Amino acid sequence: MRTTTLALLAAVLTATALPAQEPQPRPSPKPAADKAAPAAEAKPEKVSRQPGQLANIRIDVRIVDERGGQPAMTKAVSLTVADRRNGFIRSNAEARPGATPGNFQSIPLHVDANPEIEGSHIRLALGIEYNFVDTTPAGGETKQYPKLEIKQRLNLVLDDGKMMRVAQSADPLSDRRVSLELTATVLR
């Protein structure tokens, strides 16, 4: 009987002890995506760019290169770009400065434009690179500084169809001036 009681007591204790020893279900860890979500919420949302109007803008660029005592030299570049789109022109030439044999130099004339129509005005982001190499020697002698290089990046508001002088650069070694004149016209 004693064995029966001990066996019964052991069975009861085992039956009550097993459930107590079973581990309680732990909450599963949050997926990595949930941890990244708060960080993603902190980042600003990417603003989608509005489509432009179905209109083109003609951009006329005039570069006026004035040197003391000489007639002004004018370069004209025109490009047509859709509203809120980008356009560019790349022109390159090679020239030998002065009377120096060999040593050709690249002479770029680059224009980048990004116009946006706003009412009767045009916002224009413009980039320009203009180089001029003087290939003629002054008085039969090669000039010491025959090259002028101008790089400009401008953000402008222009009236539709009206010309505006938007920049004037000076040559640091002479009385030479280079002006930039723009006209932006909406083509409907």
N, C-alpha and C. Protein backbone atom coordinates (compact mmCIF):
# COMPACT_ATOMS: atom_id res chain seq x y z
N MET A 1 0.80 -1.16 0.00
CA MET A 1 0.00 0.00 0.00
C MET A 1 0.86 1.25 0.00
N ARG A 2 1.90 1.11 0.73
CA ARG A 2 2.80 2.24 0.77
C ARG A 2 3.34 2.50 -0.62
N THR A 3 3.63 1.54 -1.38
CA THR A 3 4.13 1.69 -2.72
C THR A 3 3.05 2.30 -3.60
N THR A 4 1.84 1.94 -3.41
CA THR A 4 0.74 2.46 -4.20
C THR A 4 0.56 3.93 -3.88
N THR A 5 0.67 4.30 -2.62
CA THR A 5 0.48 5.69 -2.23
C THR A 5 1.62 6.53 -2.80
N LEU A 6 2.83 5.97 -2.70
CA LEU A 6 3.97 6.72 -3.24
C LEU A 6 3.86 6.86 -4.76
N ALA A 7 3.38 5.82 -5.42
CA ALA A 7 3.23 5.90 -6.87
C ALA A 7 2.15 6.88 -7.23
N LEU A 8 1.06 6.91 -6.47
CA LEU A 8 -0.03 7.85 -6.73
C LEU A 8 0.44 9.27 -6.47
N LEU A 9 1.19 9.46 -5.37
CA LEU A 9 1.70 10.78 -5.04
C LEU A 9 2.69 11.25 -6.11
N ALA A 10 3.52 10.36 -6.59
CA ALA A 10 4.47 10.71 -7.63
C ALA A 10 3.74 11.08 -8.92
N ALA A 11 2.67 10.37 -9.25
CA ALA A 11 1.91 10.66 -10.46
C ALA A 11 1.23 12.00 -10.36
N VAL A 12 0.67 12.33 -9.20
CA VAL A 12 -0.01 13.61 -9.00
C VAL A 12 1.00 14.74 -9.08
N LEU A 13 2.13 14.56 -8.40
CA LEU A 13 3.15 15.61 -8.43
C LEU A 13 3.69 15.81 -9.84
N THR A 14 3.89 14.75 -10.56
CA THR A 14 4.39 14.85 -11.93
C THR A 14 3.37 15.56 -12.81
N ALA A 15 2.12 15.21 -12.64
CA ALA A 15 1.07 15.81 -13.47
C ALA A 15 0.94 17.30 -13.20
N THR A 16 1.11 17.73 -11.96
CA THR A 16 1.00 19.16 -11.65
C THR A 16 2.29 19.90 -11.92
N ALA A 17 3.42 19.20 -11.87
CA ALA A 17 4.70 19.86 -12.08
C ALA A 17 4.98 20.08 -13.55
N LEU A 18 4.56 19.18 -14.43
CA LEU A 18 4.84 19.32 -15.86
C LEU A 18 4.24 20.59 -16.44
N PRO A 19 2.95 20.87 -16.18
CA PRO A 19 2.45 22.12 -16.75
C PRO A 19 3.16 23.35 -16.19
N ALA A 20 3.58 23.29 -14.94
CA ALA A 20 4.27 24.43 -14.37
C ALA A 20 5.63 24.62 -14.99
N GLN A 21 6.26 23.52 -15.47
CA GLN A 21 7.58 23.63 -16.05
C GLN A 21 7.55 23.98 -17.53
N GLU A 22 6.41 23.80 -18.18
CA GLU A 22 6.33 24.14 -19.60
C GLU A 22 6.54 25.63 -19.77
N PRO A 23 7.39 26.00 -20.68
CA PRO A 23 7.63 27.43 -20.86
C PRO A 23 6.38 28.10 -21.42
N GLN A 24 6.15 29.31 -20.93
CA GLN A 24 5.03 30.10 -21.43
C GLN A 24 5.39 30.60 -22.84
N PRO A 25 4.43 30.65 -23.73
CA PRO A 25 4.75 31.16 -25.07
C PRO A 25 5.24 32.60 -24.98
N ARG A 26 6.37 32.85 -25.60
CA ARG A 26 6.93 34.19 -25.61
C ARG A 26 6.41 34.93 -26.84
N PRO A 27 6.23 36.22 -26.70
CA PRO A 27 5.81 36.96 -27.90
C PRO A 27 6.93 36.92 -28.93
N SER A 28 6.57 36.67 -30.17
CA SER A 28 7.58 36.58 -31.22
C SER A 28 8.18 37.96 -31.45
N PRO A 29 9.47 38.02 -31.75
CA PRO A 29 10.08 39.34 -31.99
C PRO A 29 9.46 39.96 -33.23
N LYS A 30 9.44 41.30 -33.21
CA LYS A 30 8.86 42.02 -34.34
C LYS A 30 9.76 41.84 -35.55
N PRO A 31 9.19 41.72 -36.71
CA PRO A 31 10.02 41.59 -37.91
C PRO A 31 10.89 42.82 -38.09
N ALA A 32 11.98 42.67 -38.82
CA ALA A 32 12.92 43.76 -39.08
C ALA A 32 12.23 44.92 -39.78
N ALA A 33 11.24 44.62 -40.60
CA ALA A 33 10.53 45.68 -41.32
C ALA A 33 9.83 46.61 -40.35
N ASP A 34 9.29 46.04 -39.23
CA ASP A 34 8.63 46.88 -38.25
C ASP A 34 9.63 47.80 -37.57
N LYS A 35 10.85 47.31 -37.34
CA LYS A 35 11.87 48.14 -36.70
C LYS A 35 12.30 49.27 -37.63
N ALA A 36 12.33 49.01 -38.94
CA ALA A 36 12.75 50.03 -39.90
C ALA A 36 11.64 51.04 -40.17
N ALA A 37 10.41 50.67 -39.90
CA ALA A 37 9.28 51.54 -40.20
C ALA A 37 9.37 52.88 -39.49
N PRO A 38 9.69 52.94 -38.17
CA PRO A 38 9.78 54.25 -37.55
C PRO A 38 10.86 55.11 -38.18
N ALA A 39 11.98 54.52 -38.60
CA ALA A 39 13.03 55.29 -39.24
C ALA A 39 12.56 55.82 -40.59
N ALA A 40 11.80 54.99 -41.30
CA ALA A 40 11.29 55.43 -42.60
C ALA A 40 10.29 56.56 -42.44
N GLU A 41 9.52 56.53 -41.35
CA GLU A 41 8.55 57.60 -41.13
C GLU A 41 9.25 58.91 -40.84
N ALA A 42 10.44 58.86 -40.27
CA ALA A 42 11.17 60.07 -39.94
C ALA A 42 11.73 60.77 -41.18
N LYS A 43 11.95 60.02 -42.27
CA LYS A 43 12.49 60.61 -43.48
C LYS A 43 11.40 61.40 -44.19
N PRO A 44 11.74 62.56 -44.78
CA PRO A 44 10.73 63.31 -45.52
C PRO A 44 10.32 62.56 -46.78
N GLU A 45 9.08 62.70 -47.12
CA GLU A 45 8.59 62.03 -48.32
C GLU A 45 9.15 62.71 -49.55
N LYS A 46 9.42 61.93 -50.56
CA LYS A 46 9.92 62.47 -51.82
C LYS A 46 8.76 63.14 -52.54
N VAL A 47 8.93 64.40 -52.86
CA VAL A 47 7.89 65.16 -53.52
C VAL A 47 7.95 64.87 -55.01
N SER A 48 6.85 64.43 -55.55
CA SER A 48 6.84 64.16 -56.99
C SER A 48 6.72 65.48 -57.74
N ARG A 49 7.43 65.56 -58.82
CA ARG A 49 7.45 66.78 -59.63
C ARG A 49 6.21 66.82 -60.49
N GLN A 50 5.58 67.98 -60.50
CA GLN A 50 4.37 68.14 -61.31
C GLN A 50 4.74 68.15 -62.78
N PRO A 51 3.90 67.56 -63.60
CA PRO A 51 4.19 67.62 -65.04
C PRO A 51 4.05 69.05 -65.54
N GLY A 52 4.84 69.38 -66.54
CA GLY A 52 4.78 70.72 -67.09
C GLY A 52 3.59 70.91 -68.01
N GLN A 53 3.40 72.15 -68.38
CA GLN A 53 2.35 72.46 -69.35
C GLN A 53 2.76 71.92 -70.71
N LEU A 54 1.81 71.71 -71.56
CA LEU A 54 2.12 71.24 -72.91
C LEU A 54 2.47 72.44 -73.78
N ALA A 55 3.63 73.03 -73.46
CA ALA A 55 4.11 74.20 -74.18
C ALA A 55 5.64 74.16 -74.19
N ASN A 56 6.21 74.75 -75.23
CA ASN A 56 7.65 74.88 -75.35
C ASN A 56 8.07 76.30 -75.01
N ILE A 57 9.32 76.45 -74.63
CA ILE A 57 9.90 77.76 -74.37
C ILE A 57 11.15 77.88 -75.23
N ARG A 58 11.19 78.93 -76.05
CA ARG A 58 12.40 79.19 -76.83
C ARG A 58 13.29 80.11 -76.00
N ILE A 59 14.53 79.71 -75.85
CA ILE A 59 15.49 80.47 -75.04
C ILE A 59 16.57 80.97 -75.99
N ASP A 60 16.66 82.29 -76.11
CA ASP A 60 17.67 82.93 -76.95
C ASP A 60 18.75 83.51 -76.05
N VAL A 61 19.96 83.07 -76.28
CA VAL A 61 21.11 83.51 -75.48
C VAL A 61 22.03 84.31 -76.40
N ARG A 62 22.39 85.51 -75.96
CA ARG A 62 23.36 86.34 -76.70
C ARG A 62 24.53 86.62 -75.80
N ILE A 63 25.71 86.30 -76.30
CA ILE A 63 26.95 86.58 -75.58
C ILE A 63 27.63 87.72 -76.32
N VAL A 64 27.83 88.83 -75.64
CA VAL A 64 28.45 90.01 -76.24
C VAL A 64 29.82 90.18 -75.60
N ASP A 65 30.85 90.02 -76.43
CA ASP A 65 32.24 90.09 -75.98
C ASP A 65 32.82 91.42 -76.45
N GLU A 66 33.05 92.35 -75.50
CA GLU A 66 33.54 93.69 -75.82
C GLU A 66 34.97 93.85 -75.34
N ARG A 67 35.82 94.31 -76.26
CA ARG A 67 37.21 94.59 -75.92
C ARG A 67 37.49 96.03 -76.30
N GLY A 68 38.19 96.73 -75.43
CA GLY A 68 38.47 98.15 -75.66
C GLY A 68 39.06 98.42 -77.03
N GLY A 69 38.44 99.35 -77.76
CA GLY A 69 38.95 99.76 -79.06
C GLY A 69 38.62 98.82 -80.20
N GLN A 70 37.92 97.74 -79.96
CA GLN A 70 37.56 96.80 -81.03
C GLN A 70 36.04 96.64 -81.06
N PRO A 71 35.51 96.30 -82.22
CA PRO A 71 34.07 96.09 -82.27
C PRO A 71 33.66 94.87 -81.44
N ALA A 72 32.49 94.96 -80.86
CA ALA A 72 31.98 93.86 -80.03
C ALA A 72 31.76 92.61 -80.88
N MET A 73 32.08 91.48 -80.32
CA MET A 73 31.85 90.20 -80.98
C MET A 73 30.64 89.56 -80.30
N THR A 74 29.68 89.09 -81.11
CA THR A 74 28.45 88.53 -80.56
C THR A 74 28.31 87.07 -80.97
N LYS A 75 27.95 86.23 -80.00
CA LYS A 75 27.64 84.82 -80.25
C LYS A 75 26.17 84.64 -79.86
N ALA A 76 25.43 83.92 -80.69
CA ALA A 76 24.01 83.68 -80.40
C ALA A 76 23.74 82.18 -80.37
N VAL A 77 23.00 81.76 -79.36
CA VAL A 77 22.60 80.37 -79.21
C VAL A 77 21.12 80.36 -78.89
N SER A 78 20.36 79.50 -79.58
CA SER A 78 18.93 79.36 -79.30
C SER A 78 18.60 77.90 -79.10
N LEU A 79 17.72 77.64 -78.14
CA LEU A 79 17.24 76.28 -77.97
C LEU A 79 15.80 76.34 -77.51
N THR A 80 15.05 75.31 -77.87
CA THR A 80 13.65 75.21 -77.48
C THR A 80 13.51 74.00 -76.57
N VAL A 81 12.89 74.25 -75.39
CA VAL A 81 12.77 73.22 -74.36
C VAL A 81 11.33 73.20 -73.87
N ALA A 82 10.81 72.01 -73.60
CA ALA A 82 9.46 71.88 -73.05
C ALA A 82 9.43 72.39 -71.61
N ASP A 83 8.26 72.84 -71.17
CA ASP A 83 8.07 73.32 -69.81
C ASP A 83 8.49 72.25 -68.80
N ARG A 84 9.31 72.65 -67.82
CA ARG A 84 9.81 71.80 -66.74
C ARG A 84 10.67 70.63 -67.22
N ARG A 85 11.33 70.81 -68.34
CA ARG A 85 12.26 69.81 -68.86
C ARG A 85 13.63 70.44 -69.04
N ASN A 86 14.63 69.62 -69.30
CA ASN A 86 16.00 70.08 -69.47
C ASN A 86 16.40 70.08 -70.94
N GLY A 87 17.24 71.02 -71.31
CA GLY A 87 17.81 71.05 -72.65
C GLY A 87 19.23 71.57 -72.57
N PHE A 88 20.05 71.17 -73.53
CA PHE A 88 21.41 71.68 -73.55
C PHE A 88 21.94 71.69 -74.96
N ILE A 89 22.94 72.53 -75.15
CA ILE A 89 23.68 72.62 -76.42
C ILE A 89 25.15 72.55 -76.08
N ARG A 90 25.88 71.75 -76.83
CA ARG A 90 27.32 71.62 -76.66
C ARG A 90 27.99 71.91 -78.01
N SER A 91 28.78 72.96 -78.06
CA SER A 91 29.57 73.28 -79.25
C SER A 91 31.03 73.33 -78.83
N ASN A 92 31.88 72.69 -79.59
CA ASN A 92 33.31 72.68 -79.29
C ASN A 92 34.09 72.95 -80.57
N ALA A 93 35.19 73.66 -80.42
CA ALA A 93 36.13 73.88 -81.53
C ALA A 93 37.53 73.77 -80.94
N GLU A 94 38.49 73.62 -81.81
CA GLU A 94 39.87 73.61 -81.37
C GLU A 94 40.62 74.69 -82.12
N ALA A 95 41.44 75.43 -81.39
CA ALA A 95 42.19 76.52 -82.01
C ALA A 95 43.56 76.61 -81.39
N ARG A 96 44.43 77.22 -82.13
CA ARG A 96 45.81 77.45 -81.67
C ARG A 96 45.88 78.90 -81.21
N PRO A 97 46.17 79.14 -79.94
CA PRO A 97 46.22 80.53 -79.47
C PRO A 97 47.43 81.27 -80.05
N GLY A 98 47.18 82.50 -80.48
CA GLY A 98 48.26 83.33 -81.01
C GLY A 98 48.98 82.67 -82.16
N ALA A 99 50.28 82.89 -82.26
CA ALA A 99 51.08 82.32 -83.35
C ALA A 99 51.85 81.10 -82.89
N THR A 100 51.50 80.56 -81.71
CA THR A 100 52.22 79.40 -81.17
C THR A 100 51.93 78.18 -82.02
N PRO A 101 52.96 77.52 -82.55
CA PRO A 101 52.69 76.30 -83.31
C PRO A 101 52.26 75.17 -82.37
N GLY A 102 51.35 74.32 -82.87
CA GLY A 102 50.84 73.21 -82.05
C GLY A 102 49.99 73.72 -80.91
N ASN A 103 49.95 72.99 -79.83
CA ASN A 103 49.22 73.37 -78.62
C ASN A 103 47.78 73.80 -78.90
N PHE A 104 47.03 72.97 -79.57
CA PHE A 104 45.63 73.29 -79.79
C PHE A 104 44.87 73.27 -78.48
N GLN A 105 43.92 74.18 -78.32
CA GLN A 105 43.09 74.24 -77.12
C GLN A 105 41.63 74.04 -77.51
N SER A 106 40.92 73.34 -76.65
CA SER A 106 39.48 73.16 -76.86
C SER A 106 38.75 74.43 -76.43
N ILE A 107 37.82 74.85 -77.26
CA ILE A 107 37.06 76.06 -76.99
C ILE A 107 35.57 75.68 -76.95
N PRO A 108 35.01 75.50 -75.75
CA PRO A 108 33.60 75.11 -75.67
C PRO A 108 32.67 76.32 -75.62
N LEU A 109 31.48 76.12 -76.10
CA LEU A 109 30.36 77.04 -75.90
C LEU A 109 29.20 76.13 -75.50
N HIS A 110 28.91 76.07 -74.20
CA HIS A 110 27.90 75.16 -73.66
C HIS A 110 26.79 75.96 -73.01
N VAL A 111 25.55 75.54 -73.25
CA VAL A 111 24.38 76.16 -72.62
C VAL A 111 23.49 75.05 -72.10
N ASP A 112 23.09 75.14 -70.82
CA ASP A 112 22.15 74.23 -70.18
C ASP A 112 20.96 75.05 -69.71
N ALA A 113 19.74 74.55 -69.96
CA ALA A 113 18.55 75.31 -69.58
C ALA A 113 17.47 74.39 -69.02
N ASN A 114 16.77 74.88 -68.00
CA ASN A 114 15.65 74.19 -67.40
C ASN A 114 14.58 75.24 -67.09
N PRO A 115 13.61 75.46 -68.01
CA PRO A 115 12.60 76.48 -67.80
C PRO A 115 11.32 75.93 -67.15
N GLU A 116 10.60 76.82 -66.43
CA GLU A 116 9.29 76.49 -65.86
C GLU A 116 8.37 77.69 -66.07
N ILE A 117 7.22 77.44 -66.66
CA ILE A 117 6.24 78.51 -66.88
C ILE A 117 5.46 78.71 -65.59
N GLU A 118 5.37 79.96 -65.15
CA GLU A 118 4.55 80.33 -63.99
C GLU A 118 3.81 81.61 -64.33
N GLY A 119 2.56 81.45 -64.73
CA GLY A 119 1.76 82.61 -65.14
C GLY A 119 2.35 83.24 -66.38
N SER A 120 2.63 84.56 -66.31
CA SER A 120 3.24 85.25 -67.45
C SER A 120 4.76 85.32 -67.32
N HIS A 121 5.31 84.60 -66.33
CA HIS A 121 6.75 84.61 -66.10
C HIS A 121 7.33 83.23 -66.39
N ILE A 122 8.64 83.21 -66.54
CA ILE A 122 9.36 81.96 -66.78
C ILE A 122 10.50 81.89 -65.78
N ARG A 123 10.50 80.84 -64.97
CA ARG A 123 11.65 80.56 -64.11
C ARG A 123 12.65 79.79 -64.97
N LEU A 124 13.90 80.19 -64.89
CA LEU A 124 14.91 79.56 -65.74
C LEU A 124 16.16 79.28 -64.93
N ALA A 125 16.55 78.01 -64.89
CA ALA A 125 17.85 77.63 -64.35
C ALA A 125 18.77 77.51 -65.57
N LEU A 126 19.82 78.31 -65.60
CA LEU A 126 20.68 78.40 -66.78
C LEU A 126 22.13 78.19 -66.38
N GLY A 127 22.82 77.38 -67.15
CA GLY A 127 24.26 77.21 -66.99
C GLY A 127 24.93 77.51 -68.32
N ILE A 128 26.06 78.20 -68.26
CA ILE A 128 26.74 78.55 -69.50
C ILE A 128 28.25 78.45 -69.29
N GLU A 129 28.93 77.96 -70.31
CA GLU A 129 30.38 77.95 -70.32
C GLU A 129 30.81 78.52 -71.66
N TYR A 130 31.60 79.59 -71.59
CA TYR A 130 32.05 80.28 -72.80
C TYR A 130 33.55 80.51 -72.68
N ASN A 131 34.28 80.05 -73.66
CA ASN A 131 35.73 80.29 -73.73
C ASN A 131 36.01 80.98 -75.05
N PHE A 132 36.95 81.88 -75.00
CA PHE A 132 37.39 82.51 -76.24
C PHE A 132 38.91 82.53 -76.23
N VAL A 133 39.49 82.02 -77.30
CA VAL A 133 40.94 82.04 -77.46
C VAL A 133 41.25 83.00 -78.59
N ASP A 134 42.04 84.00 -78.29
CA ASP A 134 42.43 84.98 -79.30
C ASP A 134 43.51 84.35 -80.17
N THR A 135 43.18 84.08 -81.42
CA THR A 135 44.12 83.41 -82.32
C THR A 135 44.94 84.39 -83.14
N THR A 136 44.66 85.67 -83.00
CA THR A 136 45.43 86.65 -83.77
C THR A 136 46.43 87.35 -82.86
N PRO A 137 47.68 87.36 -83.22
CA PRO A 137 48.67 88.05 -82.39
C PRO A 137 48.49 89.56 -82.48
N ALA A 138 48.72 90.22 -81.38
CA ALA A 138 48.61 91.68 -81.34
C ALA A 138 49.92 92.29 -81.82
N GLY A 139 49.88 93.04 -82.91
CA GLY A 139 51.08 93.68 -83.44
C GLY A 139 52.15 92.68 -83.86
N GLY A 140 51.73 91.50 -84.31
CA GLY A 140 52.68 90.50 -84.76
C GLY A 140 53.25 89.65 -83.64
N GLU A 141 52.93 89.99 -82.39
CA GLU A 141 53.45 89.21 -81.26
C GLU A 141 52.31 88.43 -80.60
N THR A 142 52.66 87.28 -80.06
CA THR A 142 51.67 86.48 -79.36
C THR A 142 51.33 87.13 -78.03
N LYS A 143 50.04 87.22 -77.72
CA LYS A 143 49.62 87.79 -76.44
C LYS A 143 49.96 86.80 -75.33
N GLN A 144 50.29 87.35 -74.16
CA GLN A 144 50.66 86.48 -73.06
C GLN A 144 49.46 85.72 -72.51
N TYR A 145 48.27 86.33 -72.47
CA TYR A 145 47.06 85.71 -71.94
C TYR A 145 45.95 85.74 -72.99
N PRO A 146 46.01 84.87 -73.99
CA PRO A 146 45.05 84.96 -75.08
C PRO A 146 43.69 84.30 -74.79
N LYS A 147 43.53 83.60 -73.67
CA LYS A 147 42.31 82.84 -73.43
C LYS A 147 41.50 83.45 -72.29
N LEU A 148 40.18 83.52 -72.49
CA LEU A 148 39.24 83.96 -71.47
C LEU A 148 38.22 82.84 -71.28
N GLU A 149 37.98 82.46 -70.05
CA GLU A 149 37.04 81.37 -69.75
C GLU A 149 36.00 81.89 -68.76
N ILE A 150 34.71 81.70 -69.11
CA ILE A 150 33.62 82.14 -68.24
C ILE A 150 32.67 80.97 -68.02
N LYS A 151 32.35 80.72 -66.76
CA LYS A 151 31.36 79.70 -66.39
C LYS A 151 30.36 80.37 -65.46
N GLN A 152 29.08 80.23 -65.79
CA GLN A 152 28.04 80.86 -64.97
C GLN A 152 26.90 79.89 -64.77
N ARG A 153 26.30 79.95 -63.58
CA ARG A 153 25.09 79.20 -63.27
C ARG A 153 24.13 80.20 -62.64
N LEU A 154 22.99 80.40 -63.28
CA LEU A 154 22.04 81.43 -62.86
C LEU A 154 20.64 80.84 -62.69
N ASN A 155 19.91 81.31 -61.69
CA ASN A 155 18.49 81.00 -61.52
C ASN A 155 17.75 82.32 -61.65
N LEU A 156 16.86 82.39 -62.64
CA LEU A 156 16.27 83.67 -63.02
C LEU A 156 14.75 83.58 -63.11
N VAL A 157 14.11 84.75 -63.05
CA VAL A 157 12.70 84.89 -63.38
C VAL A 157 12.64 85.91 -64.50
N LEU A 158 12.13 85.48 -65.65
CA LEU A 158 12.09 86.33 -66.84
C LEU A 158 10.65 86.60 -67.26
N ASP A 159 10.41 87.77 -67.85
CA ASP A 159 9.11 88.07 -68.44
C ASP A 159 9.06 87.43 -69.82
N ASP A 160 7.93 86.88 -70.16
CA ASP A 160 7.73 86.21 -71.44
C ASP A 160 8.03 87.17 -72.59
N GLY A 161 9.02 86.82 -73.42
CA GLY A 161 9.33 87.57 -74.63
C GLY A 161 10.16 88.82 -74.44
N LYS A 162 10.59 89.15 -73.23
CA LYS A 162 11.38 90.37 -73.00
C LYS A 162 12.84 90.02 -72.78
N MET A 163 13.73 90.75 -73.48
CA MET A 163 15.17 90.54 -73.34
C MET A 163 15.65 91.15 -72.03
N MET A 164 16.58 90.45 -71.37
CA MET A 164 17.15 90.95 -70.12
C MET A 164 18.65 90.66 -70.10
N ARG A 165 19.43 91.66 -69.74
CA ARG A 165 20.86 91.44 -69.52
C ARG A 165 20.98 90.86 -68.11
N VAL A 166 21.48 89.63 -68.02
CA VAL A 166 21.47 88.92 -66.74
C VAL A 166 22.85 88.80 -66.10
N ALA A 167 23.91 89.06 -66.86
CA ALA A 167 25.25 88.97 -66.28
C ALA A 167 26.23 89.78 -67.11
N GLN A 168 27.28 90.25 -66.44
CA GLN A 168 28.38 90.90 -67.12
C GLN A 168 29.65 90.52 -66.37
N SER A 169 30.60 89.94 -67.09
CA SER A 169 31.84 89.48 -66.48
C SER A 169 33.00 90.32 -67.00
N ALA A 170 33.98 90.48 -66.16
CA ALA A 170 35.16 91.26 -66.53
C ALA A 170 36.37 90.35 -66.65
N ASP A 171 37.20 90.64 -67.63
CA ASP A 171 38.49 89.96 -67.77
C ASP A 171 39.41 90.53 -66.70
N PRO A 172 39.99 89.70 -65.84
CA PRO A 172 40.84 90.23 -64.78
C PRO A 172 42.15 90.84 -65.28
N LEU A 173 42.49 90.64 -66.55
CA LEU A 173 43.77 91.14 -67.06
C LEU A 173 43.64 92.28 -68.05
N SER A 174 42.42 92.66 -68.43
CA SER A 174 42.27 93.72 -69.43
C SER A 174 40.94 94.44 -69.21
N ASP A 175 40.61 95.33 -70.15
CA ASP A 175 39.34 96.06 -70.07
C ASP A 175 38.22 95.32 -70.80
N ARG A 176 38.41 94.08 -71.05
CA ARG A 176 37.43 93.26 -71.77
C ARG A 176 36.25 92.93 -70.86
N ARG A 177 35.02 92.98 -71.44
CA ARG A 177 33.80 92.63 -70.71
C ARG A 177 32.99 91.68 -71.56
N VAL A 178 32.35 90.72 -70.90
CA VAL A 178 31.47 89.77 -71.58
C VAL A 178 30.11 89.85 -70.91
N SER A 179 29.08 90.18 -71.71
CA SER A 179 27.72 90.29 -71.21
C SER A 179 26.88 89.12 -71.70
N LEU A 180 25.88 88.77 -70.89
CA LEU A 180 24.96 87.68 -71.24
C LEU A 180 23.55 88.26 -71.26
N GLU A 181 22.90 88.14 -72.43
CA GLU A 181 21.53 88.63 -72.60
C GLU A 181 20.62 87.45 -72.94
N LEU A 182 19.45 87.41 -72.30
CA LEU A 182 18.52 86.31 -72.49
C LEU A 182 17.14 86.80 -72.86
N THR A 183 16.47 86.00 -73.69
CA THR A 183 15.06 86.17 -73.96
C THR A 183 14.43 84.79 -73.89
N ALA A 184 13.37 84.66 -73.11
CA ALA A 184 12.63 83.41 -73.02
C ALA A 184 11.22 83.67 -73.49
N THR A 185 10.76 82.91 -74.48
CA THR A 185 9.46 83.13 -75.08
C THR A 185 8.65 81.83 -75.05
N VAL A 186 7.44 81.89 -74.50
CA VAL A 186 6.57 80.72 -74.49
C VAL A 186 5.97 80.55 -75.88
N LEU A 187 6.08 79.34 -76.43
CA LEU A 187 5.53 79.03 -77.75
C LEU A 187 4.28 78.17 -77.54
N ARG A 188 3.13 78.69 -77.89
CA ARG A 188 1.87 77.94 -77.70
C ARG A 188 1.30 77.53 -79.02
